[in-house]
C-alpha cells in the first residue's frame, strides 16, 4: 500500500497514536473538509507531510 493520507490515518487509528486524542475528530484528506459535522470538532487535515490539527 502506498504511503497516502488514508494509509497514515489507518495506521494512527490501529496503533492508537491519534494526533488529537480524546477530542471529537473529523479526519479529512483535503482543505474542503467534506462532511464536517456541526458543533465543536477538531479537524485533522491530511497534508503531504503528515497532519495539521485545527480546533474550533
C-alpha atoms as a PDB file:
ATOM      1  CA  UNK A   1       0.000   0.000   0.000  1.00  0.00           C
ATOM      2  CA  UNK A   2       1.449   3.435  -0.882  1.00  0.00           C
ATOM      3  CA  UNK A   3       2.115   5.884   1.929  1.00  0.00           C
ATOM      4  CA  UNK A   4      -1.002   8.033   1.436  1.00  0.00           C
ATOM      5  CA  UNK A   5      -3.092  10.133   3.868  1.00  0.00           C
ATOM      6  CA  UNK A   6      -5.543   7.225   4.125  1.00  0.00           C
ATOM      7  CA  UNK A   7      -2.717   4.821   4.986  1.00  0.00           C
ATOM      8  CA  UNK A   8      -1.423   7.250   7.646  1.00  0.00           C
ATOM      9  CA  UNK A   9      -4.897   7.659   9.190  1.00  0.00           C
ATOM     10  CA  UNK A  10      -5.475   3.893   9.333  1.00  0.00           C
ATOM     11  CA  UNK A  11      -2.041   3.451  10.907  1.00  0.00           C
ATOM     12  CA  UNK A  12      -2.763   6.167  13.500  1.00  0.00           C
ATOM     13  CA  UNK A  13      -6.036   4.500  14.483  1.00  0.00           C
ATOM     14  CA  UNK A  14      -4.667   0.968  14.659  1.00  0.00           C
ATOM     15  CA  UNK A  15      -1.584   1.996  16.653  1.00  0.00           C
ATOM     16  CA  UNK A  16      -3.574   4.353  18.911  1.00  0.00           C
ATOM     17  CA  UNK A  17      -1.372   7.327  18.034  1.00  0.00           C
ATOM     18  CA  UNK A  18      -4.164   9.725  17.161  1.00  0.00           C
ATOM     19  CA  UNK A  19      -2.940  13.319  16.832  1.00  0.00           C
ATOM     20  CA  UNK A  20      -5.906  14.782  18.747  1.00  0.00           C
ATOM     21  CA  UNK A  21      -6.606  12.068  21.289  1.00  0.00           C
ATOM     22  CA  UNK A  22      -9.737  12.464  23.420  1.00  0.00           C
ATOM     23  CA  UNK A  23     -11.489  15.093  21.279  1.00  0.00           C
ATOM     24  CA  UNK A  24     -14.297  14.732  18.752  1.00  0.00           C
ATOM     25  CA  UNK A  25     -12.406  14.473  15.472  1.00  0.00           C
ATOM     26  CA  UNK A  26     -13.163  14.968  11.800  1.00  0.00           C
ATOM     27  CA  UNK A  27     -10.440  13.416   9.626  1.00  0.00           C
ATOM     28  CA  UNK A  28     -10.186  14.871   6.129  1.00  0.00           C
ATOM     29  CA  UNK A  29      -7.961  14.351   3.112  1.00  0.00           C
ATOM     30  CA  UNK A  30      -8.044  17.953   1.862  1.00  0.00           C
ATOM     31  CA  UNK A  31      -8.938  21.537   2.733  1.00  0.00           C
ATOM     32  CA  UNK A  32     -12.559  21.126   1.563  1.00  0.00           C
ATOM     33  CA  UNK A  33     -13.404  19.122   4.701  1.00  0.00           C
ATOM     34  CA  UNK A  34     -16.421  17.445   3.131  1.00  0.00           C
ATOM     35  CA  UNK A  35     -18.925  16.013   5.602  1.00  0.00           C
ATOM     36  CA  UNK A  36     -17.777  18.154   8.543  1.00  0.00           C
ATOM     37  CA  UNK A  37     -20.278  17.797  11.410  1.00  0.00           C
ATOM     38  CA  UNK A  38     -21.808  20.754  13.211  1.00  0.00           C
ATOM     39  CA  UNK A  39     -20.658  21.730  16.669  1.00  0.00           C
ATOM     40  CA  UNK A  40     -17.257  21.645  18.309  1.00  0.00           C
ATOM     41  CA  UNK A  41     -14.858  19.360  16.495  1.00  0.00           C
ATOM     42  CA  UNK A  42     -11.122  19.033  15.934  1.00  0.00           C
ATOM     43  CA  UNK A  43     -10.223  18.908  12.254  1.00  0.00           C
ATOM     44  CA  UNK A  44      -7.390  16.528  11.421  1.00  0.00           C
ATOM     45  CA  UNK A  45      -6.350  17.643   7.934  1.00  0.00           C
ATOM     46  CA  UNK A  46      -4.028  15.459   5.860  1.00  0.00           C
ATOM     47  CA  UNK A  47      -1.039  17.263   4.355  1.00  0.00           C
ATOM     48  CA  UNK A  48       1.778  15.949   2.165  1.00  0.00           C
ATOM     49  CA  UNK A  49       3.988  15.569   5.264  1.00  0.00           C
ATOM     50  CA  UNK A  50       1.507  14.423   7.916  1.00  0.00           C
ATOM     51  CA  UNK A  51      -1.452  16.028   9.654  1.00  0.00           C
ATOM     52  CA  UNK A  52      -2.441  19.535  10.692  1.00  0.00           C
ATOM     53  CA  UNK A  53      -4.647  19.845  13.786  1.00  0.00           C
ATOM     54  CA  UNK A  54      -7.211  22.664  13.831  1.00  0.00           C
ATOM     55  CA  UNK A  55      -9.506  23.153  16.811  1.00  0.00           C
ATOM     56  CA  UNK A  56     -12.678  25.256  16.924  1.00  0.00           C
END
